Amino acid sequence: MPRLNLPGSGHVAPTALSGWQWLPIAAASYQNRIQHAVNIISSRIQGYAPCNAAFRVLPGGRSFAQVWADPTVWISYDPGGAGGRFGATLGKEVTLSQYACRMGEWTLVATLIHELAHVNGANGLSHAAEATLQKCLMGAHHDPTIMGAIRAAPKPARVV
């Protein structure tokens, strides 16, 4: 399961890139919301066959359950509070924005699924990551206008 970058975890996260930060999740309220989203994914989504199948066709070839079980994936916090700013991915480093945290657990679930699709190789220039929401029990959160954008970096950064 992805690990949470909490204060004192010792995780060395990426430096800020293209306006995104990968900081420890310090606020207790955001820790609780993110943990609740993780629990929802663990109990309802990771074993859902259509979601696993949707992830298997992504370039990384892993099922959602395989990506979710990867302990080298980290979840961090970005203080960006602007509306429409949800999360970003750099390799196996996912960051969730303050905006997404304020929106609540279900937005966090959808954002995590989307960002994990990028971890599994979904192109940042297509709708592939967002499209996984339709197969992962999050169709109500699917937005046909969302596409990731690759930012110049040593490793591709996928931003939503």
C-alpha atoms as a PDB file:
ATOM      1  CA  MET A   1       0.000   0.000   0.000  1.00  0.00           C
ATOM      2  CA  PRO A   2       1.276   3.519  -0.661  1.00  0.00           C
ATOM      3  CA  ARG A   3       2.882   5.117   2.340  1.00  0.00           C
ATOM      4  CA  LEU A   4       1.913   8.466   3.797  1.00  0.00           C
ATOM      5  CA  ASN A   5       4.619  11.096   4.083  1.00  0.00           C
ATOM      6  CA  LEU A   6       3.965  12.147   7.661  1.00  0.00           C
ATOM      7  CA  PRO A   7       6.155  14.358   9.859  1.00  0.00           C
ATOM      8  CA  GLY A   8       8.926  12.183  11.230  1.00  0.00           C
ATOM      9  CA  SER A   9       8.550   9.488   8.552  1.00  0.00           C
ATOM     10  CA  GLY A  10      12.052  10.207   7.296  1.00  0.00           C
ATOM     11  CA  HIS A  11      10.865  10.203   3.697  1.00  0.00           C
ATOM     12  CA  VAL A  12      13.001  12.238   1.345  1.00  0.00           C
ATOM     13  CA  ALA A  13      10.472  13.627  -1.102  1.00  0.00           C
ATOM     14  CA  PRO A  14      11.190  15.430  -4.357  1.00  0.00           C
ATOM     15  CA  THR A  15      11.929  19.129  -4.325  1.00  0.00           C
ATOM     16  CA  ALA A  16       9.281  21.549  -5.573  1.00  0.00           C
ATOM     17  CA  LEU A  17       8.622  21.305  -9.286  1.00  0.00           C
ATOM     18  CA  SER A  18       6.398  23.397 -11.558  1.00  0.00           C
ATOM     19  CA  GLY A  19       4.710  24.952  -8.545  1.00  0.00           C
ATOM     20  CA  TRP A  20       3.977  21.600  -6.839  1.00  0.00           C
ATOM     21  CA  GLN A  21       5.445  20.467  -3.503  1.00  0.00           C
ATOM     22  CA  TRP A  22       5.793  17.043  -1.893  1.00  0.00           C
ATOM     23  CA  LEU A  23       5.629  17.918   1.807  1.00  0.00           C
ATOM     24  CA  PRO A  24       4.803  15.833   4.880  1.00  0.00           C
ATOM     25  CA  ILE A  25       1.079  15.752   5.679  1.00  0.00           C
ATOM     26  CA  ALA A  26       1.228  17.784   8.876  1.00  0.00           C
ATOM     27  CA  ALA A  27      -2.359  18.868   9.570  1.00  0.00           C
ATOM     28  CA  ALA A  28      -4.207  16.245  11.608  1.00  0.00           C
ATOM     29  CA  SER A  29      -7.471  16.942   9.778  1.00  0.00           C
ATOM     30  CA  TYR A  30      -5.837  16.270   6.399  1.00  0.00           C
ATOM     31  CA  GLN A  31      -4.070  13.186   7.749  1.00  0.00           C
ATOM     32  CA  ASN A  32      -7.463  11.847   8.838  1.00  0.00           C
ATOM     33  CA  ARG A  33      -9.138  12.616   5.502  1.00  0.00           C
ATOM     34  CA  ILE A  34      -6.336  11.071   3.494  1.00  0.00           C
ATOM     35  CA  GLN A  35      -6.286   8.002   5.754  1.00  0.00           C
ATOM     36  CA  HIS A  36     -10.056   7.656   5.317  1.00  0.00           C
ATOM     37  CA  ALA A  37      -9.587   7.815   1.521  1.00  0.00           C
ATOM     38  CA  VAL A  38      -6.880   5.135   1.770  1.00  0.00           C
ATOM     39  CA  ASN A  39      -9.251   2.966   3.812  1.00  0.00           C
ATOM     40  CA  ILE A  40     -12.023   3.375   1.221  1.00  0.00           C
ATOM     41  CA  ILE A  41      -9.659   2.327  -1.554  1.00  0.00           C
ATOM     42  CA  SER A  42      -8.388  -0.643   0.463  1.00  0.00           C
ATOM     43  CA  SER A  43     -11.851  -1.892   1.343  1.00  0.00           C
ATOM     44  CA  ARG A  44     -13.855  -1.105  -1.810  1.00  0.00           C
ATOM     45  CA  ILE A  45     -11.683  -0.518  -4.847  1.00  0.00           C
ATOM     46  CA  GLN A  46      -8.422  -2.467  -4.809  1.00  0.00           C
ATOM     47  CA  GLY A  47     -10.144  -5.801  -5.454  1.00  0.00           C
ATOM     48  CA  TYR A  48     -12.704  -4.502  -7.960  1.00  0.00           C
ATOM     49  CA  ALA A  49     -12.135  -6.453 -11.203  1.00  0.00           C
ATOM     50  CA  PRO A  50     -13.095  -3.689 -13.703  1.00  0.00           C
ATOM     51  CA  CYS A  51     -10.678  -1.281 -11.991  1.00  0.00           C
ATOM     52  CA  ASN A  52      -7.880  -3.839 -12.055  1.00  0.00           C
ATOM     53  CA  ALA A  53      -8.548  -4.480 -15.751  1.00  0.00           C
ATOM     54  CA  ALA A  54      -8.531  -0.739 -16.560  1.00  0.00           C
ATOM     55  CA  PHE A  55      -5.120  -0.390 -14.914  1.00  0.00           C
ATOM     56  CA  ARG A  56      -3.687  -3.478 -16.662  1.00  0.00           C
ATOM     57  CA  VAL A  57      -4.099  -1.808 -20.076  1.00  0.00           C
ATOM     58  CA  LEU A  58      -2.064   1.246 -19.022  1.00  0.00           C
ATOM     59  CA  PRO A  59       1.588   1.308 -20.166  1.00  0.00           C
ATOM     60  CA  GLY A  60       2.855   0.029 -16.784  1.00  0.00           C
ATOM     61  CA  GLY A  61       0.765  -3.138 -17.218  1.00  0.00           C
ATOM     62  CA  ARG A  62       0.011  -3.579 -13.520  1.00  0.00           C
ATOM     63  CA  SER A  63      -3.456  -4.020 -12.063  1.00  0.00           C
ATOM     64  CA  PHE A  64      -4.780  -1.413  -9.656  1.00  0.00           C
ATOM     65  CA  ALA A  65      -4.259  -3.898  -6.803  1.00  0.00           C
ATOM     66  CA  GLN A  66      -0.602  -4.306  -7.805  1.00  0.00           C
ATOM     67  CA  VAL A  67      -0.021  -0.553  -7.930  1.00  0.00           C
ATOM     68  CA  TRP A  68      -1.872  -0.132  -4.618  1.00  0.00           C
ATOM     69  CA  ALA A  69       0.292  -2.824  -2.998  1.00  0.00           C
ATOM     70  CA  ASP A  70       3.529  -1.081  -4.012  1.00  0.00           C
ATOM     71  CA  PRO A  71       5.220   0.152  -0.796  1.00  0.00           C
ATOM     72  CA  THR A  72       7.558   2.398  -2.796  1.00  0.00           C
ATOM     73  CA  VAL A  73       4.673   4.739  -3.709  1.00  0.00           C
ATOM     74  CA  TRP A  74       4.477   7.739  -1.382  1.00  0.00           C
ATOM     75  CA  ILE A  75       1.613  10.168  -0.772  1.00  0.00           C
ATOM     76  CA  SER A  76       2.575  13.710   0.207  1.00  0.00           C
ATOM     77  CA  TYR A  77       0.908  17.084   0.630  1.00  0.00           C
ATOM     78  CA  ASP A  78       0.912  20.191  -1.540  1.00  0.00           C
ATOM     79  CA  PRO A  79      -0.267  23.466   0.065  1.00  0.00           C
ATOM     80  CA  GLY A  80      -1.862  24.691  -3.183  1.00  0.00           C
ATOM     81  CA  GLY A  81      -5.406  25.732  -2.416  1.00  0.00           C
ATOM     82  CA  ALA A  82      -6.552  27.008  -5.826  1.00  0.00           C
ATOM     83  CA  GLY A  83      -9.773  25.518  -7.132  1.00  0.00           C
ATOM     84  CA  GLY A  84      -9.271  22.772  -9.692  1.00  0.00           C
ATOM     85  CA  ARG A  85      -5.798  21.900  -8.381  1.00  0.00           C
ATOM     86  CA  PHE A  86      -6.028  18.275  -7.204  1.00  0.00           C
ATOM     87  CA  GLY A  87      -2.742  16.381  -7.313  1.00  0.00           C
ATOM     88  CA  ALA A  88       0.500  15.661  -9.108  1.00  0.00           C
ATOM     89  CA  THR A  89       2.765  12.692  -9.685  1.00  0.00           C
ATOM     90  CA  LEU A  90       6.506  12.460 -10.173  1.00  0.00           C
ATOM     91  CA  GLY A  91       7.579   8.853 -10.668  1.00  0.00           C
ATOM     92  CA  LYS A  92       6.138   7.058  -7.641  1.00  0.00           C
ATOM     93  CA  GLU A  93       5.684  10.264  -5.667  1.00  0.00           C
ATOM     94  CA  VAL A  94       2.084  11.489  -5.441  1.00  0.00           C
ATOM     95  CA  THR A  95       1.103  14.778  -3.856  1.00  0.00           C
ATOM     96  CA  LEU A  96      -2.421  15.803  -2.893  1.00  0.00           C
ATOM     97  CA  SER A  97      -3.301  19.475  -2.837  1.00  0.00           C
ATOM     98  CA  GLN A  98      -4.830  21.425  -0.007  1.00  0.00           C
ATOM     99  CA  TYR A  99      -7.779  22.015  -2.352  1.00  0.00           C
ATOM    100  CA  ALA A 100      -8.351  18.241  -2.745  1.00  0.00           C
ATOM    101  CA  CYS A 101      -8.017  17.762   1.023  1.00  0.00           C
ATOM    102  CA  ARG A 102     -10.603  20.458   1.666  1.00  0.00           C
ATOM    103  CA  MET A 103     -12.996  18.832  -0.819  1.00  0.00           C
ATOM    104  CA  GLY A 104     -13.091  15.654   1.287  1.00  0.00           C
ATOM    105  CA  GLU A 105     -12.542  11.919   1.217  1.00  0.00           C
ATOM    106  CA  TRP A 106     -14.308  11.103  -2.056  1.00  0.00           C
ATOM    107  CA  THR A 107     -12.371  13.749  -3.979  1.00  0.00           C
ATOM    108  CA  LEU A 108      -9.205  12.342  -2.423  1.00  0.00           C
ATOM    109  CA  VAL A 109     -10.181   8.801  -3.494  1.00  0.00           C
ATOM    110  CA  ALA A 110     -10.734   9.982  -7.073  1.00  0.00           C
ATOM    111  CA  THR A 111      -7.512  11.993  -7.091  1.00  0.00           C
ATOM    112  CA  LEU A 112      -5.489   9.078  -5.739  1.00  0.00           C
ATOM    113  CA  ILE A 113      -6.872   6.703  -8.381  1.00  0.00           C
ATOM    114  CA  HIS A 114      -6.094   9.241 -11.104  1.00  0.00           C
ATOM    115  CA  GLU A 115      -2.565   9.850  -9.820  1.00  0.00           C
ATOM    116  CA  LEU A 116      -1.896   6.124  -9.404  1.00  0.00           C
ATOM    117  CA  ALA A 117      -2.827   5.690 -13.066  1.00  0.00           C
ATOM    118  CA  HIS A 118       0.091   8.049 -13.802  1.00  0.00           C
ATOM    119  CA  VAL A 119       2.304   5.944 -11.524  1.00  0.00           C
ATOM    120  CA  ASN A 120       1.273   3.028 -13.776  1.00  0.00           C
ATOM    121  CA  GLY A 121       2.336   4.909 -16.893  1.00  0.00           C
ATOM    122  CA  ALA A 122      -0.783   6.808 -17.981  1.00  0.00           C
ATOM    123  CA  ASN A 123       0.266   9.531 -20.373  1.00  0.00           C
ATOM    124  CA  GLY A 124       0.051  13.034 -18.974  1.00  0.00           C
ATOM    125  CA  LEU A 125      -1.064  14.376 -22.350  1.00  0.00           C
ATOM    126  CA  SER A 126      -4.145  12.175 -22.587  1.00  0.00           C
ATOM    127  CA  HIS A 127      -7.339  11.500 -20.695  1.00  0.00           C
ATOM    128  CA  ALA A 128      -6.203   7.955 -19.760  1.00  0.00           C
ATOM    129  CA  ALA A 129      -5.661   8.575 -16.040  1.00  0.00           C
ATOM    130  CA  GLU A 130      -8.986  10.339 -15.551  1.00  0.00           C
ATOM    131  CA  ALA A 131     -10.796   7.662 -17.596  1.00  0.00           C
ATOM    132  CA  THR A 132      -9.859   5.024 -15.004  1.00  0.00           C
ATOM    133  CA  LEU A 133     -12.327   6.634 -12.587  1.00  0.00           C
ATOM    134  CA  GLN A 134     -15.209   5.288 -14.677  1.00  0.00           C
ATOM    135  CA  LYS A 135     -14.001   1.710 -14.115  1.00  0.00           C
ATOM    136  CA  CYS A 136     -12.954   2.201 -10.479  1.00  0.00           C
ATOM    137  CA  LEU A 137     -16.348   2.989  -8.901  1.00  0.00           C
ATOM    138  CA  MET A 138     -15.735   6.736  -9.134  1.00  0.00           C
ATOM    139  CA  GLY A 139     -17.739   7.605 -12.251  1.00  0.00           C
ATOM    140  CA  ALA A 140     -19.506  10.450 -10.429  1.00  0.00           C
ATOM    141  CA  HIS A 141     -16.101  12.151 -10.018  1.00  0.00           C
ATOM    142  CA  HIS A 142     -14.992  11.604 -13.619  1.00  0.00           C
ATOM    143  CA  ASP A 143     -14.408  14.880 -15.461  1.00  0.00           C
ATOM    144  CA  PRO A 144     -14.063  14.522 -19.248  1.00  0.00           C
ATOM    145  CA  THR A 145     -12.164  17.818 -19.412  1.00  0.00           C
ATOM    146  CA  ILE A 146      -9.295  16.742 -17.137  1.00  0.00           C
ATOM    147  CA  MET A 147      -6.059  15.822 -18.812  1.00  0.00           C
ATOM    148  CA  GLY A 148      -2.655  15.627 -17.191  1.00  0.00           C
ATOM    149  CA  ALA A 149       0.237  17.743 -18.387  1.00  0.00           C
ATOM    150  CA  ILE A 150       3.839  16.604 -18.439  1.00  0.00           C
ATOM    151  CA  ARG A 151       6.149  19.259 -17.007  1.00  0.00           C
ATOM    152  CA  ALA A 152       9.820  19.492 -17.899  1.00  0.00           C
ATOM    153  CA  ALA A 153      11.831  17.690 -15.233  1.00  0.00           C
ATOM    154  CA  PRO A 154      14.556  15.058 -14.871  1.00  0.00           C
ATOM    155  CA  LYS A 155      11.710  12.555 -14.531  1.00  0.00           C
ATOM    156  CA  PRO A 156       8.309  13.214 -16.128  1.00  0.00           C
ATOM    157  CA  ALA A 157       5.896  14.968 -13.792  1.00  0.00           C
ATOM    158  CA  ARG A 158       2.225  14.410 -14.419  1.00  0.00           C
ATOM    159  CA  VAL A 159       0.003  17.149 -13.123  1.00  0.00           C
ATOM    160  CA  VAL A 160      -3.772  17.458 -12.892  1.00  0.00           C
END
